[in-house]
Amino acid sequence: MSLRACARACRAQAAESLFLKAKRPEAALKMYKDARMWHDALRLAEDWNLPNKVAEIQAEIAGGACAWCVCVHERARVCVCMCACVRLRGSV
C-alpha cells in the first residue's frame, strides 16, 4: 500500500468513526463507495446489518468494481488475498 493510500485509509477510518457516532452508517458507506474502498464498504454494511447494501456491494465487486482484485485474479491467475472479492468471485 502506498503512503498516499495509507493516509487516505486512515482519514476514512476516522470519518467512519464520526459517522457511526452520529448514527449515520449510510453516510459512511457512501464515503467508502465514492472512494472505491469496496472492502471497507462491505465490512461496514455487514457490521451494521444492512442486507440490501451488502447485496449491492457484492454485486459491484463481482461485476469488477474492485480493480485491484480483477487484476490479481484475471491477470496473475493467482489468489494472493483473502478479501471479500475472493469469496464472491470464487477461486481462479
C-alpha atoms as a PDB file:
ATOM      1  CA  MET A   1       0.000   0.000   0.000  1.00  0.00           C
ATOM      2  CA  SER A   2       1.379   3.397  -0.915  1.00  0.00           C
ATOM      3  CA  LEU A   3       1.818   6.126   1.661  1.00  0.00           C
ATOM      4  CA  ARG A   4      -0.951   8.146  -0.007  1.00  0.00           C
ATOM      5  CA  ALA A   5      -3.350   5.197   0.083  1.00  0.00           C
ATOM      6  CA  CYS A   6      -2.482   4.555   3.713  1.00  0.00           C
ATOM      7  CA  ALA A   7      -3.172   8.179   4.641  1.00  0.00           C
ATOM      8  CA  ARG A   8      -6.488   8.081   2.785  1.00  0.00           C
ATOM      9  CA  ALA A   9      -7.476   4.884   4.591  1.00  0.00           C
ATOM     10  CA  CYS A  10      -6.600   6.410   7.976  1.00  0.00           C
ATOM     11  CA  ARG A  11      -8.698   9.502   7.245  1.00  0.00           C
ATOM     12  CA  ALA A  12     -11.569   7.314   6.071  1.00  0.00           C
ATOM     13  CA  GLN A  13     -11.457   5.272   9.276  1.00  0.00           C
ATOM     14  CA  ALA A  14     -11.584   8.448  11.366  1.00  0.00           C
ATOM     15  CA  ALA A  15     -14.509   9.735   9.300  1.00  0.00           C
ATOM     16  CA  GLU A  16     -16.267   6.380   9.634  1.00  0.00           C
ATOM     17  CA  SER A  17     -15.979   6.603  13.393  1.00  0.00           C
ATOM     18  CA  LEU A  18     -17.612  10.042  13.376  1.00  0.00           C
ATOM     19  CA  PHE A  19     -20.406   8.931  11.029  1.00  0.00           C
ATOM     20  CA  LEU A  20     -21.149   5.942  13.239  1.00  0.00           C
ATOM     21  CA  LYS A  21     -21.186   8.042  16.415  1.00  0.00           C
ATOM     22  CA  ALA A  22     -23.772  10.202  14.652  1.00  0.00           C
ATOM     23  CA  LYS A  23     -25.764   7.019  13.835  1.00  0.00           C
ATOM     24  CA  ARG A  24     -25.271   7.576  10.097  1.00  0.00           C
ATOM     25  CA  PRO A  25     -23.817   4.320   8.730  1.00  0.00           C
ATOM     26  CA  GLU A  26     -25.266   5.057   5.276  1.00  0.00           C
ATOM     27  CA  ALA A  27     -23.140   8.218   5.055  1.00  0.00           C
ATOM     28  CA  ALA A  28     -20.019   6.237   5.937  1.00  0.00           C
ATOM     29  CA  LEU A  29     -20.995   3.620   3.376  1.00  0.00           C
ATOM     30  CA  LYS A  30     -21.398   6.281   0.688  1.00  0.00           C
ATOM     31  CA  MET A  31     -17.963   7.678   1.563  1.00  0.00           C
ATOM     32  CA  TYR A  32     -16.370   4.256   1.058  1.00  0.00           C
ATOM     33  CA  LYS A  33     -18.251   3.591  -2.164  1.00  0.00           C
ATOM     34  CA  ASP A  34     -17.350   7.002  -3.580  1.00  0.00           C
ATOM     35  CA  ALA A  35     -13.693   6.310  -2.739  1.00  0.00           C
ATOM     36  CA  ARG A  36     -13.994   2.821  -4.287  1.00  0.00           C
ATOM     37  CA  MET A  37     -12.933   1.280  -0.976  1.00  0.00           C
ATOM     38  CA  TRP A  38     -15.091  -1.788  -1.579  1.00  0.00           C
ATOM     39  CA  HIS A  39     -13.715  -3.994   1.196  1.00  0.00           C
ATOM     40  CA  ASP A  40     -14.410  -1.344   3.807  1.00  0.00           C
ATOM     41  CA  ALA A  41     -17.867  -0.696   2.367  1.00  0.00           C
ATOM     42  CA  LEU A  42     -18.702  -4.396   2.547  1.00  0.00           C
ATOM     43  CA  ARG A  43     -17.356  -4.712   6.097  1.00  0.00           C
ATOM     44  CA  LEU A  44     -19.418  -1.740   7.225  1.00  0.00           C
ATOM     45  CA  ALA A  45     -22.604  -2.996   5.575  1.00  0.00           C
ATOM     46  CA  GLU A  46     -22.141  -6.413   7.189  1.00  0.00           C
ATOM     47  CA  ASP A  47     -21.278  -4.975  10.612  1.00  0.00           C
ATOM     48  CA  TRP A  48     -24.320  -2.682  10.617  1.00  0.00           C
ATOM     49  CA  ASN A  49     -26.659  -5.370   9.250  1.00  0.00           C
ATOM     50  CA  LEU A  50     -27.614  -3.573   6.054  1.00  0.00           C
ATOM     51  CA  PRO A  51     -28.536  -6.615   3.912  1.00  0.00           C
ATOM     52  CA  ASN A  52     -29.716  -4.659   0.873  1.00  0.00           C
ATOM     53  CA  LYS A  53     -26.441  -2.717   0.873  1.00  0.00           C
ATOM     54  CA  VAL A  54     -24.408  -5.920   1.310  1.00  0.00           C
ATOM     55  CA  ALA A  55     -26.038  -7.390  -1.792  1.00  0.00           C
ATOM     56  CA  GLU A  56     -25.481  -4.165  -3.740  1.00  0.00           C
ATOM     57  CA  ILE A  57     -21.781  -4.020  -2.844  1.00  0.00           C
ATOM     58  CA  GLN A  58     -21.299  -7.724  -3.540  1.00  0.00           C
ATOM     59  CA  ALA A  59     -22.794  -7.223  -6.999  1.00  0.00           C
ATOM     60  CA  GLU A  60     -20.450  -4.310  -7.676  1.00  0.00           C
ATOM     61  CA  ILE A  61     -17.420  -6.320  -6.551  1.00  0.00           C
ATOM     62  CA  ALA A  62     -18.464  -9.386  -8.556  1.00  0.00           C
ATOM     63  CA  GLY A  63     -19.004  -7.159 -11.585  1.00  0.00           C
ATOM     64  CA  GLY A  64     -15.404  -5.966 -11.468  1.00  0.00           C
ATOM     65  CA  ALA A  65     -15.750  -2.760  -9.470  1.00  0.00           C
ATOM     66  CA  CYS A  66     -12.743  -3.742  -7.369  1.00  0.00           C
ATOM     67  CA  ALA A  67      -9.979  -3.098  -9.896  1.00  0.00           C
ATOM     68  CA  TRP A  68      -7.222  -4.490  -7.685  1.00  0.00           C
ATOM     69  CA  CYS A  69      -8.926  -7.868  -7.338  1.00  0.00           C
ATOM     70  CA  VAL A  70      -9.750  -8.009 -11.036  1.00  0.00           C
ATOM     71  CA  CYS A  71      -6.057  -7.502 -11.744  1.00  0.00           C
ATOM     72  CA  VAL A  72      -4.957 -10.137  -9.255  1.00  0.00           C
ATOM     73  CA  HIS A  73      -7.466 -12.752 -10.278  1.00  0.00           C
ATOM     74  CA  GLU A  74      -7.673 -12.295 -14.017  1.00  0.00           C
ATOM     75  CA  ARG A  75      -4.142 -11.272 -14.967  1.00  0.00           C
ATOM     76  CA  ALA A  76      -1.949 -13.062 -12.488  1.00  0.00           C
ATOM     77  CA  ARG A  77      -4.279 -16.056 -12.151  1.00  0.00           C
ATOM     78  CA  VAL A  78      -3.082 -16.253  -8.575  1.00  0.00           C
ATOM     79  CA  CYS A  79      -5.092 -15.579  -5.464  1.00  0.00           C
ATOM     80  CA  VAL A  80      -2.931 -13.539  -3.115  1.00  0.00           C
ATOM     81  CA  CYS A  81      -5.669 -12.023  -0.981  1.00  0.00           C
ATOM     82  CA  MET A  82      -8.318 -13.443   1.300  1.00  0.00           C
ATOM     83  CA  CYS A  83     -10.626 -10.487   0.865  1.00  0.00           C
ATOM     84  CA  ALA A  84     -14.339 -10.424   0.222  1.00  0.00           C
ATOM     85  CA  CYS A  85     -13.687 -10.352  -3.520  1.00  0.00           C
ATOM     86  CA  VAL A  86     -12.110 -13.804  -3.386  1.00  0.00           C
ATOM     87  CA  ARG A  87     -15.190 -15.243  -1.698  1.00  0.00           C
ATOM     88  CA  LEU A  88     -17.507 -13.571  -4.208  1.00  0.00           C
ATOM     89  CA  ARG A  89     -15.587 -14.253  -7.403  1.00  0.00           C
ATOM     90  CA  GLY A  90     -14.538 -17.773  -6.447  1.00  0.00           C
ATOM     91  CA  SER A  91     -11.143 -19.310  -6.886  1.00  0.00           C
ATOM     92  CA  VAL A  92      -9.226 -18.921 -10.124  1.00  0.00           C
END
